[in-house]
Amino acid sequence: MWKWILGAIAFYIHAGFEIYKGIDRVESYSYDETYEELNKYAYVGGDAYNYIINSNILTGHFMLAGSSIVAGAIIQTIKKSNEKKEIPMTVTAQKEELNA
């Protein structure tokens, strides 16, 4: 039982980490032509090209986060379906049980 819960939690933590990485990719972008050591997530010599590259990487991180959320939900659904379910007794079954 615990392995199901830990698996789902691991997927949700991974999704949060991927969302953080994607947002950090776009929000922390900086490009400076004069001081190259200040560049962060800058690959080529132009803002537009770097934004295009970073947005594609952001999309990849969000896709990984979405698939991790779906995987966690699937694990939770499988766990719930594997639990024993009590079937309530019908009135006739209760009467037969009392008569026996």
PDB file of N, CA and C in Angstrom:
ATOM      1  N   MET A   1       0.821  -1.191   0.000  1.00  0.00           N
ATOM      2  CA  MET A   1       0.000   0.000   0.000  1.00  0.00           C
ATOM      3  C   MET A   1       0.873   1.267   0.000  1.00  0.00           C
ATOM      4  N   TRP A   2       1.939   1.240   0.786  1.00  0.00           N
ATOM      5  CA  TRP A   2       2.786   2.431   0.874  1.00  0.00           C
ATOM      6  C   TRP A   2       3.527   2.704  -0.413  1.00  0.00           C
ATOM      7  N   LYS A   3       3.847   1.647  -1.160  1.00  0.00           N
ATOM      8  CA  LYS A   3       4.576   1.885  -2.406  1.00  0.00           C
ATOM      9  C   LYS A   3       3.717   2.655  -3.404  1.00  0.00           C
ATOM     10  N   TRP A   4       2.399   2.452  -3.371  1.00  0.00           N
ATOM     11  CA  TRP A   4       1.511   3.217  -4.251  1.00  0.00           C
ATOM     12  C   TRP A   4       1.511   4.690  -3.863  1.00  0.00           C
ATOM     13  N   ILE A   5       1.398   4.938  -2.581  1.00  0.00           N
ATOM     14  CA  ILE A   5       1.352   6.318  -2.094  1.00  0.00           C
ATOM     15  C   ILE A   5       2.680   7.021  -2.367  1.00  0.00           C
ATOM     16  N   LEU A   6       3.788   6.345  -2.083  1.00  0.00           N
ATOM     17  CA  LEU A   6       5.098   6.956  -2.321  1.00  0.00           C
ATOM     18  C   LEU A   6       5.341   7.194  -3.807  1.00  0.00           C
ATOM     19  N   GLY A   7       4.862   6.297  -4.653  1.00  0.00           N
ATOM     20  CA  GLY A   7       5.000   6.485  -6.096  1.00  0.00           C
ATOM     21  C   GLY A   7       4.245   7.709  -6.578  1.00  0.00           C
ATOM     22  N   ALA A   8       3.006   7.862  -6.103  1.00  0.00           N
ATOM     23  CA  ALA A   8       2.207   9.026  -6.497  1.00  0.00           C
ATOM     24  C   ALA A   8       2.831  10.314  -5.981  1.00  0.00           C
ATOM     25  N   ILE A   9       3.302  10.302  -4.744  1.00  0.00           N
ATOM     26  CA  ILE A   9       3.937  11.493  -4.175  1.00  0.00           C
ATOM     27  C   ILE A   9       5.200  11.845  -4.952  1.00  0.00           C
ATOM     28  N   ALA A  10       5.964  10.839  -5.346  1.00  0.00           N
ATOM     29  CA  ALA A  10       7.185  11.093  -6.119  1.00  0.00           C
ATOM     30  C   ALA A  10       6.854  11.751  -7.455  1.00  0.00           C
ATOM     31  N   PHE A  11       5.797  11.294  -8.104  1.00  0.00           N
ATOM     32  CA  PHE A  11       5.407  11.917  -9.366  1.00  0.00           C
ATOM     33  C   PHE A  11       4.959  13.363  -9.161  1.00  0.00           C
ATOM     34  N   TYR A  12       4.222  13.641  -8.084  1.00  0.00           N
ATOM     35  CA  TYR A  12       3.774  15.007  -7.832  1.00  0.00           C
ATOM     36  C   TYR A  12       4.946  15.926  -7.490  1.00  0.00           C
ATOM     37  N   ILE A  13       5.913  15.421  -6.743  1.00  0.00           N
ATOM     38  CA  ILE A  13       7.105  16.228  -6.440  1.00  0.00           C
ATOM     39  C   ILE A  13       7.885  16.509  -7.725  1.00  0.00           C
ATOM     40  N   HIS A  14       7.999  15.509  -8.579  1.00  0.00           N
ATOM     41  CA  HIS A  14       8.691  15.702  -9.851  1.00  0.00           C
ATOM     42  C   HIS A  14       7.973  16.748 -10.704  1.00  0.00           C
ATOM     43  N   ALA A  15       6.640  16.730 -10.687  1.00  0.00           N
ATOM     44  CA  ALA A  15       5.881  17.727 -11.445  1.00  0.00           C
ATOM     45  C   ALA A  15       6.151  19.134 -10.919  1.00  0.00           C
ATOM     46  N   GLY A  16       6.185  19.293  -9.616  1.00  0.00           N
ATOM     47  CA  GLY A  16       6.488  20.602  -9.043  1.00  0.00           C
ATOM     48  C   GLY A  16       7.881  21.076  -9.397  1.00  0.00           C
ATOM     49  N   PHE A  17       8.836  20.153  -9.389  1.00  0.00           N
ATOM     50  CA  PHE A  17      10.212  20.489  -9.749  1.00  0.00           C
ATOM     51  C   PHE A  17      10.302  20.913 -11.213  1.00  0.00           C
ATOM     52  N   GLU A  18       9.606  20.227 -12.091  1.00  0.00           N
ATOM     53  CA  GLU A  18       9.626  20.576 -13.516  1.00  0.00           C
ATOM     54  C   GLU A  18       8.952  21.927 -13.771  1.00  0.00           C
ATOM     55  N   ILE A  19       7.878  22.212 -13.070  1.00  0.00           N
ATOM     56  CA  ILE A  19       7.226  23.517 -13.213  1.00  0.00           C
ATOM     57  C   ILE A  19       8.175  24.624 -12.755  1.00  0.00           C
ATOM     58  N   TYR A  20       8.863  24.388 -11.635  1.00  0.00           N
ATOM     59  CA  TYR A  20       9.833  25.373 -11.148  1.00  0.00           C
ATOM     60  C   TYR A  20      10.944  25.602 -12.172  1.00  0.00           C
ATOM     61  N   LYS A  21      11.475  24.517 -12.731  1.00  0.00           N
ATOM     62  CA  LYS A  21      12.556  24.652 -13.713  1.00  0.00           C
ATOM     63  C   LYS A  21      12.091  25.413 -14.950  1.00  0.00           C
ATOM     64  N   GLY A  22      10.863  25.175 -15.387  1.00  0.00           N
ATOM     65  CA  GLY A  22      10.354  25.865 -16.561  1.00  0.00           C
ATOM     66  C   GLY A  22      10.165  27.352 -16.318  1.00  0.00           C
ATOM     67  N   ILE A  23       9.586  27.695 -15.184  1.00  0.00           N
ATOM     68  CA  ILE A  23       9.369  29.107 -14.873  1.00  0.00           C
ATOM     69  C   ILE A  23      10.704  29.810 -14.649  1.00  0.00           C
ATOM     70  N   ASP A  24      11.639  29.133 -13.989  1.00  0.00           N
ATOM     71  CA  ASP A  24      12.965  29.714 -13.775  1.00  0.00           C
ATOM     72  C   ASP A  24      13.665  29.971 -15.104  1.00  0.00           C
ATOM     73  N   ARG A  25      13.442  29.126 -16.063  1.00  0.00           N
ATOM     74  CA  ARG A  25      14.073  29.269 -17.382  1.00  0.00           C
ATOM     75  C   ARG A  25      13.674  30.597 -18.028  1.00  0.00           C
ATOM     76  N   VAL A  26      12.415  30.951 -17.917  1.00  0.00           N
ATOM     77  CA  VAL A  26      11.931  32.172 -18.576  1.00  0.00           C
ATOM     78  C   VAL A  26      12.172  33.412 -17.713  1.00  0.00           C
ATOM     79  N   GLU A  27      11.930  33.286 -16.419  1.00  0.00           N
ATOM     80  CA  GLU A  27      12.036  34.456 -15.547  1.00  0.00           C
ATOM     81  C   GLU A  27      13.487  34.861 -15.265  1.00  0.00           C
ATOM     82  N   SER A  28      14.417  33.934 -15.318  1.00  0.00           N
ATOM     83  CA  SER A  28      15.809  34.242 -14.990  1.00  0.00           C
ATOM     84  C   SER A  28      16.656  34.554 -16.214  1.00  0.00           C
ATOM     85  N   TYR A  29      16.044  34.625 -17.376  1.00  0.00           N
ATOM     86  CA  TYR A  29      16.799  34.881 -18.597  1.00  0.00           C
ATOM     87  C   TYR A  29      17.422  36.275 -18.543  1.00  0.00           C
ATOM     88  N   SER A  30      18.705  36.337 -18.883  1.00  0.00           N
ATOM     89  CA  SER A  30      19.367  37.640 -19.028  1.00  0.00           C
ATOM     90  C   SER A  30      20.437  37.525 -20.113  1.00  0.00           C
ATOM     91  N   TYR A  31      20.540  38.579 -20.896  1.00  0.00           N
ATOM     92  CA  TYR A  31      21.519  38.617 -21.983  1.00  0.00           C
ATOM     93  C   TYR A  31      22.179  39.979 -21.983  1.00  0.00           C
ATOM     94  N   ASP A  32      23.485  39.980 -21.902  1.00  0.00           N
ATOM     95  CA  ASP A  32      24.245  41.224 -21.915  1.00  0.00           C
ATOM     96  C   ASP A  32      25.398  41.046 -22.893  1.00  0.00           C
ATOM     97  N   GLU A  33      25.446  41.953 -23.876  1.00  0.00           N
ATOM     98  CA  GLU A  33      26.497  41.850 -24.895  1.00  0.00           C
ATOM     99  C   GLU A  33      27.859  42.244 -24.347  1.00  0.00           C
ATOM    100  N   THR A  34      27.884  43.123 -23.365  1.00  0.00           N
ATOM    101  CA  THR A  34      29.150  43.626 -22.839  1.00  0.00           C
ATOM    102  C   THR A  34      29.799  42.640 -21.872  1.00  0.00           C
ATOM    103  N   TYR A  35      29.032  42.183 -20.879  1.00  0.00           N
ATOM    104  CA  TYR A  35      29.553  41.279 -19.860  1.00  0.00           C
ATOM    105  C   TYR A  35      28.931  39.896 -20.046  1.00  0.00           C
ATOM    106  N   GLU A  36      29.683  39.016 -20.666  1.00  0.00           N
ATOM    107  CA  GLU A  36      29.145  37.698 -20.979  1.00  0.00           C
ATOM    108  C   GLU A  36      28.959  36.819 -19.741  1.00  0.00           C
ATOM    109  N   GLU A  37      29.669  37.107 -18.670  1.00  0.00           N
ATOM    110  CA  GLU A  37      29.517  36.289 -17.466  1.00  0.00           C
ATOM    111  C   GLU A  37      28.166  36.520 -16.786  1.00  0.00           C
ATOM    112  N   LEU A  38      27.464  37.591 -17.138  1.00  0.00           N
ATOM    113  CA  LEU A  38      26.140  37.852 -16.588  1.00  0.00           C
ATOM    114  C   LEU A  38      25.032  37.139 -17.352  1.00  0.00           C
ATOM    115  N   ASN A  39      25.371  36.536 -18.469  1.00  0.00           N
ATOM    116  CA  ASN A  39      24.362  35.853 -19.276  1.00  0.00           C
ATOM    117  C   ASN A  39      23.857  34.606 -18.561  1.00  0.00           C
ATOM    118  N   LYS A  40      22.555  34.447 -18.590  1.00  0.00           N
ATOM    119  CA  LYS A  40      21.937  33.245 -18.048  1.00  0.00           C
ATOM    120  C   LYS A  40      20.891  32.772 -19.032  1.00  0.00           C
ATOM    121  N   TYR A  41      20.966  31.525 -19.421  1.00  0.00           N
ATOM    122  CA  TYR A  41      20.082  30.903 -20.416  1.00  0.00           C
ATOM    123  C   TYR A  41      20.146  31.643 -21.749  1.00  0.00           C
ATOM    124  N   ALA A  42      21.291  32.169 -22.084  1.00  0.00           N
ATOM    125  CA  ALA A  42      21.499  32.835 -23.375  1.00  0.00           C
ATOM    126  C   ALA A  42      22.388  31.937 -24.225  1.00  0.00           C
ATOM    127  N   TYR A  43      21.920  31.609 -25.419  1.00  0.00           N
ATOM    128  CA  TYR A  43      22.631  30.661 -26.267  1.00  0.00           C
ATOM    129  C   TYR A  43      23.206  31.317 -27.516  1.00  0.00           C
ATOM    130  N   VAL A  44      22.470  32.247 -28.094  1.00  0.00           N
ATOM    131  CA  VAL A  44      22.904  32.904 -29.327  1.00  0.00           C
ATOM    132  C   VAL A  44      22.863  34.411 -29.114  1.00  0.00           C
ATOM    133  N   GLY A  45      23.330  35.165 -30.087  1.00  0.00           N
ATOM    134  CA  GLY A  45      23.449  36.606 -29.943  1.00  0.00           C
ATOM    135  C   GLY A  45      22.211  37.383 -30.314  1.00  0.00           C
ATOM    136  N   GLY A  46      21.105  37.094 -29.714  1.00  0.00           N
ATOM    137  CA  GLY A  46      19.902  37.866 -29.983  1.00  0.00           C
ATOM    138  C   GLY A  46      18.804  37.487 -29.011  1.00  0.00           C
ATOM    139  N   ASP A  47      18.089  38.500 -28.500  1.00  0.00           N
ATOM    140  CA  ASP A  47      17.036  38.235 -27.527  1.00  0.00           C
ATOM    141  C   ASP A  47      15.922  37.378 -28.106  1.00  0.00           C
ATOM    142  N   ALA A  48      15.489  37.668 -29.307  1.00  0.00           N
ATOM    143  CA  ALA A  48      14.361  36.943 -29.889  1.00  0.00           C
ATOM    144  C   ALA A  48      14.676  35.456 -30.034  1.00  0.00           C
ATOM    145  N   TYR A  49      15.867  35.144 -30.513  1.00  0.00           N
ATOM    146  CA  TYR A  49      16.247  33.747 -30.673  1.00  0.00           C
ATOM    147  C   TYR A  49      16.340  33.042 -29.326  1.00  0.00           C
ATOM    148  N   ASN A  50      16.889  33.726 -28.345  1.00  0.00           N
ATOM    149  CA  ASN A  50      16.993  33.123 -27.014  1.00  0.00           C
ATOM    150  C   ASN A  50      15.613  32.906 -26.393  1.00  0.00           C
ATOM    151  N   TYR A  51      14.691  33.836 -26.602  1.00  0.00           N
ATOM    152  CA  TYR A  51      13.331  33.640 -26.098  1.00  0.00           C
ATOM    153  C   TYR A  51      12.660  32.452 -26.778  1.00  0.00           C
ATOM    154  N   ILE A  52      12.897  32.275 -28.057  1.00  0.00           N
ATOM    155  CA  ILE A  52      12.311  31.132 -28.767  1.00  0.00           C
ATOM    156  C   ILE A  52      12.877  29.825 -28.228  1.00  0.00           C
ATOM    157  N   ILE A  53      14.186  29.775 -28.039  1.00  0.00           N
ATOM    158  CA  ILE A  53      14.819  28.566 -27.508  1.00  0.00           C
ATOM    159  C   ILE A  53      14.314  28.270 -26.098  1.00  0.00           C
ATOM    160  N   ASN A  54      14.277  29.288 -25.255  1.00  0.00           N
ATOM    161  CA  ASN A  54      13.839  29.085 -23.877  1.00  0.00           C
ATOM    162  C   ASN A  54      12.358  28.730 -23.788  1.00  0.00           C
ATOM    163  N   SER A  55      11.536  29.276 -24.673  1.00  0.00           N
ATOM    164  CA  SER A  55      10.121  28.913 -24.638  1.00  0.00           C
ATOM    165  C   SER A  55       9.907  27.466 -25.053  1.00  0.00           C
ATOM    166  N   ASN A  56      10.714  26.960 -25.979  1.00  0.00           N
ATOM    167  CA  ASN A  56      10.612  25.550 -26.347  1.00  0.00           C
ATOM    168  C   ASN A  56      11.037  24.650 -25.200  1.00  0.00           C
ATOM    169  N   ILE A  57      12.073  25.043 -24.482  1.00  0.00           N
ATOM    170  CA  ILE A  57      12.509  24.261 -23.318  1.00  0.00           C
ATOM    171  C   ILE A  57      11.463  24.348 -22.212  1.00  0.00           C
ATOM    172  N   LEU A  58      10.854  25.529 -22.033  1.00  0.00           N
ATOM    173  CA  LEU A  58       9.773  25.700 -21.064  1.00  0.00           C
ATOM    174  C   LEU A  58       8.619  24.766 -21.387  1.00  0.00           C
ATOM    175  N   THR A  59       8.253  24.661 -22.657  1.00  0.00           N
ATOM    176  CA  THR A  59       7.178  23.763 -23.063  1.00  0.00           C
ATOM    177  C   THR A  59       7.520  22.317 -22.718  1.00  0.00           C
ATOM    178  N   GLY A  60       8.758  21.931 -22.921  1.00  0.00           N
ATOM    179  CA  GLY A  60       9.186  20.584 -22.555  1.00  0.00           C
ATOM    180  C   GLY A  60       9.059  20.319 -21.064  1.00  0.00           C
ATOM    181  N   HIS A  61       9.456  21.287 -20.240  1.00  0.00           N
ATOM    182  CA  HIS A  61       9.331  21.125 -18.790  1.00  0.00           C
ATOM    183  C   HIS A  61       7.861  21.017 -18.390  1.00  0.00           C
ATOM    184  N   PHE A  62       7.006  21.826 -18.979  1.00  0.00           N
ATOM    185  CA  PHE A  62       5.587  21.765 -18.639  1.00  0.00           C
ATOM    186  C   PHE A  62       4.954  20.462 -19.111  1.00  0.00           C
ATOM    187  N   MET A  63       5.395  19.938 -20.232  1.00  0.00           N
ATOM    188  CA  MET A  63       4.882  18.644 -20.694  1.00  0.00           C
ATOM    189  C   MET A  63       5.302  17.528 -19.736  1.00  0.00           C
ATOM    190  N   LEU A  64       6.542  17.570 -19.268  1.00  0.00           N
ATOM    191  CA  LEU A  64       6.983  16.581 -18.288  1.00  0.00           C
ATOM    192  C   LEU A  64       6.191  16.708 -16.984  1.00  0.00           C
ATOM    193  N   ALA A  65       5.912  17.935 -16.567  1.00  0.00           N
ATOM    194  CA  ALA A  65       5.124  18.139 -15.351  1.00  0.00           C
ATOM    195  C   ALA A  65       3.708  17.605 -15.533  1.00  0.00           C
ATOM    196  N   GLY A  66       3.113  17.881 -16.671  1.00  0.00           N
ATOM    197  CA  GLY A  66       1.756  17.383 -16.925  1.00  0.00           C
ATOM    198  C   GLY A  66       1.691  15.869 -16.962  1.00  0.00           C
ATOM    199  N   SER A  67       2.666  15.245 -17.586  1.00  0.00           N
ATOM    200  CA  SER A  67       2.669  13.782 -17.635  1.00  0.00           C
ATOM    201  C   SER A  67       2.922  13.183 -16.255  1.00  0.00           C
ATOM    202  N   SER A  68       3.697  13.857 -15.420  1.00  0.00           N
ATOM    203  CA  SER A  68       3.911  13.370 -14.053  1.00  0.00           C
ATOM    204  C   SER A  68       2.639  13.476 -13.222  1.00  0.00           C
ATOM    205  N   ILE A  69       1.888  14.546 -13.412  1.00  0.00           N
ATOM    206  CA  ILE A  69       0.619  14.695 -12.701  1.00  0.00           C
ATOM    207  C   ILE A  69      -0.358  13.610 -13.133  1.00  0.00           C
ATOM    208  N   VAL A  70      -0.419  13.334 -14.427  1.00  0.00           N
ATOM    209  CA  VAL A  70      -1.308  12.285 -14.925  1.00  0.00           C
ATOM    210  C   VAL A  70      -0.874  10.925 -14.376  1.00  0.00           C
ATOM    211  N   ALA A  71       0.427  10.663 -14.344  1.00  0.00           N
ATOM    212  CA  ALA A  71       0.925   9.391 -13.820  1.00  0.00           C
ATOM    213  C   ALA A  71       0.580   9.243 -12.333  1.00  0.00           C
ATOM    214  N   GLY A  72       0.714  10.314 -11.562  1.00  0.00           N
ATOM    215  CA  GLY A  72       0.335  10.264 -10.150  1.00  0.00           C
ATOM    216  C   GLY A  72      -1.146   9.999  -9.967  1.00  0.00           C
ATOM    217  N   ALA A  73      -1.972  10.604 -10.803  1.00  0.00           N
ATOM    218  CA  ALA A  73      -3.421  10.376 -10.726  1.00  0.00           C
ATOM    219  C   ALA A  73      -3.769   8.940 -11.111  1.00  0.00           C
ATOM    220  N   ILE A  74      -3.091   8.397 -12.103  1.00  0.00           N
ATOM    221  CA  ILE A  74      -3.328   7.006 -12.500  1.00  0.00           C
ATOM    222  C   ILE A  74      -2.951   6.059 -11.372  1.00  0.00           C
ATOM    223  N   ILE A  75      -1.826   6.326 -10.718  1.00  0.00           N
ATOM    224  CA  ILE A  75      -1.409   5.479  -9.596  1.00  0.00           C
ATOM    225  C   ILE A  75      -2.435   5.537  -8.473  1.00  0.00           C
ATOM    226  N   GLN A  76      -2.956   6.728  -8.171  1.00  0.00           N
ATOM    227  CA  GLN A  76      -3.973   6.839  -7.133  1.00  0.00           C
ATOM    228  C   GLN A  76      -5.237   6.074  -7.515  1.00  0.00           C
ATOM    229  N   THR A  77      -5.626   6.129  -8.780  1.00  0.00           N
ATOM    230  CA  THR A  77      -6.815   5.421  -9.230  1.00  0.00           C
ATOM    231  C   THR A  77      -6.620   3.912  -9.136  1.00  0.00           C
ATOM    232  N   ILE A  78      -5.446   3.434  -9.522  1.00  0.00           N
ATOM    233  CA  ILE A  78      -5.159   2.001  -9.421  1.00  0.00           C
ATOM    234  C   ILE A  78      -5.184   1.557  -7.970  1.00  0.00           C
ATOM    235  N   LYS A  79      -4.615   2.371  -7.079  1.00  0.00           N
ATOM    236  CA  LYS A  79      -4.604   2.030  -5.657  1.00  0.00           C
ATOM    237  C   LYS A  79      -6.022   1.936  -5.120  1.00  0.00           C
ATOM    238  N   LYS A  80      -6.865   2.886  -5.479  1.00  0.00           N
ATOM    239  CA  LYS A  80      -8.242   2.873  -4.981  1.00  0.00           C
ATOM    240  C   LYS A  80      -9.035   1.699  -5.546  1.00  0.00           C
ATOM    241  N   SER A  81      -8.765   1.312  -6.783  1.00  0.00           N
ATOM    242  CA  SER A  81      -9.519   0.212  -7.373  1.00  0.00           C
ATOM    243  C   SER A  81      -9.066  -1.138  -6.830  1.00  0.00           C
ATOM    244  N   ASN A  82      -7.848  -1.229  -6.291  1.00  0.00           N
ATOM    245  CA  ASN A  82      -7.352  -2.486  -5.741  1.00  0.00           C
ATOM    246  C   ASN A  82      -7.790  -2.718  -4.301  1.00  0.00           C
ATOM    247  N   GLU A  83      -8.298  -1.683  -3.648  1.00  0.00           N
ATOM    248  CA  GLU A  83      -8.754  -1.852  -2.274  1.00  0.00           C
ATOM    249  C   GLU A  83     -10.014  -2.716  -2.258  1.00  0.00           C
ATOM    250  N   LYS A  84     -10.179  -3.488  -1.197  1.00  0.00           N
ATOM    251  CA  LYS A  84     -11.378  -4.323  -1.090  1.00  0.00           C
ATOM    252  C   LYS A  84     -12.575  -3.425  -0.851  1.00  0.00           C
ATOM    253  N   LYS A  85     -13.630  -3.761  -1.551  1.00  0.00           N
ATOM    254  CA  LYS A  85     -14.862  -2.993  -1.393  1.00  0.00           C
ATOM    255  C   LYS A  85     -15.902  -3.883  -0.742  1.00  0.00           C
ATOM    256  N   GLU A  86     -16.564  -3.335   0.273  1.00  0.00           N
ATOM    257  CA  GLU A  86     -17.614  -4.083   0.939  1.00  0.00           C
ATOM    258  C   GLU A  86     -18.905  -3.934   0.174  1.00  0.00           C
ATOM    259  N   ILE A  87     -19.528  -5.051  -0.089  1.00  0.00           N
ATOM    260  CA  ILE A  87     -20.810  -5.033  -0.780  1.00  0.00           C
ATOM    261  C   ILE A  87     -21.890  -5.138   0.286  1.00  0.00           C
ATOM    262  N   PRO A  88     -22.785  -4.148   0.336  1.00  0.00           N
ATOM    263  CA  PRO A  88     -23.833  -4.203   1.368  1.00  0.00           C
ATOM    264  C   PRO A  88     -24.789  -5.372   1.107  1.00  0.00           C
ATOM    265  N   MET A  89     -25.248  -5.967   2.187  1.00  0.00           N
ATOM    266  CA  MET A  89     -26.155  -7.105   2.057  1.00  0.00           C
ATOM    267  C   MET A  89     -27.555  -6.617   1.712  1.00  0.00           C
ATOM    268  N   THR A  90     -28.227  -7.383   0.891  1.00  0.00           N
ATOM    269  CA  THR A  90     -29.608  -7.046   0.550  1.00  0.00           C
ATOM    270  C   THR A  90     -30.516  -7.473   1.694  1.00  0.00           C
ATOM    271  N   VAL A  91     -31.743  -7.043   1.637  1.00  0.00           N
ATOM    272  CA  VAL A  91     -32.699  -7.351   2.694  1.00  0.00           C
ATOM    273  C   VAL A  91     -32.956  -8.854   2.756  1.00  0.00           C
ATOM    274  N   THR A  92     -33.071  -9.505   1.601  1.00  0.00           N
ATOM    275  CA  THR A  92     -33.332 -10.956   1.606  1.00  0.00           C
ATOM    276  C   THR A  92     -32.141 -11.723   2.155  1.00  0.00           C
ATOM    277  N   ALA A  93     -30.916 -11.260   1.873  1.00  0.00           N
ATOM    278  CA  ALA A  93     -29.745 -11.929   2.416  1.00  0.00           C
ATOM    279  C   ALA A  93     -29.666 -11.760   3.920  1.00  0.00           C
ATOM    280  N   GLN A  94     -30.094 -10.587   4.423  1.00  0.00           N
ATOM    281  CA  GLN A  94     -30.091 -10.370   5.861  1.00  0.00           C
ATOM    282  C   GLN A  94     -31.111 -11.276   6.551  1.00  0.00           C
ATOM    283  N   LYS A  95     -32.271 -11.454   5.915  1.00  0.00           N
ATOM    284  CA  LYS A  95     -33.306 -12.333   6.492  1.00  0.00           C
ATOM    285  C   LYS A  95     -32.827 -13.766   6.510  1.00  0.00           C
ATOM    286  N   GLU A  96     -32.170 -14.200   5.426  1.00  0.00           N
ATOM    287  CA  GLU A  96     -31.663 -15.573   5.392  1.00  0.00           C
ATOM    288  C   GLU A  96     -30.595 -15.775   6.447  1.00  0.00           C
ATOM    289  N   GLU A  97     -29.782 -14.756   6.687  1.00  0.00           N
ATOM    290  CA  GLU A  97     -28.732 -14.858   7.687  1.00  0.00           C
ATOM    291  C   GLU A  97     -29.341 -14.952   9.092  1.00  0.00           C
ATOM    292  N   LEU A  98     -30.418 -14.212   9.337  1.00  0.00           N
ATOM    293  CA  LEU A  98     -31.082 -14.254  10.641  1.00  0.00           C
ATOM    294  C   LEU A  98     -31.792 -15.585  10.853  1.00  0.00           C
ATOM    295  N   ASN A  99     -32.352 -16.176   9.797  1.00  0.00           N
ATOM    296  CA  ASN A  99     -33.068 -17.436   9.920  1.00  0.00           C
ATOM    297  C   ASN A  99     -32.123 -18.615  10.081  1.00  0.00           C
ATOM    298  N   ALA A 100     -30.904 -18.475   9.689  1.00  0.00           N
ATOM    299  CA  ALA A 100     -29.975 -19.611   9.749  1.00  0.00           C
ATOM    300  C   ALA A 100     -29.430 -19.848  11.124  1.00  0.00           C
TER     301      ALA A 100
END
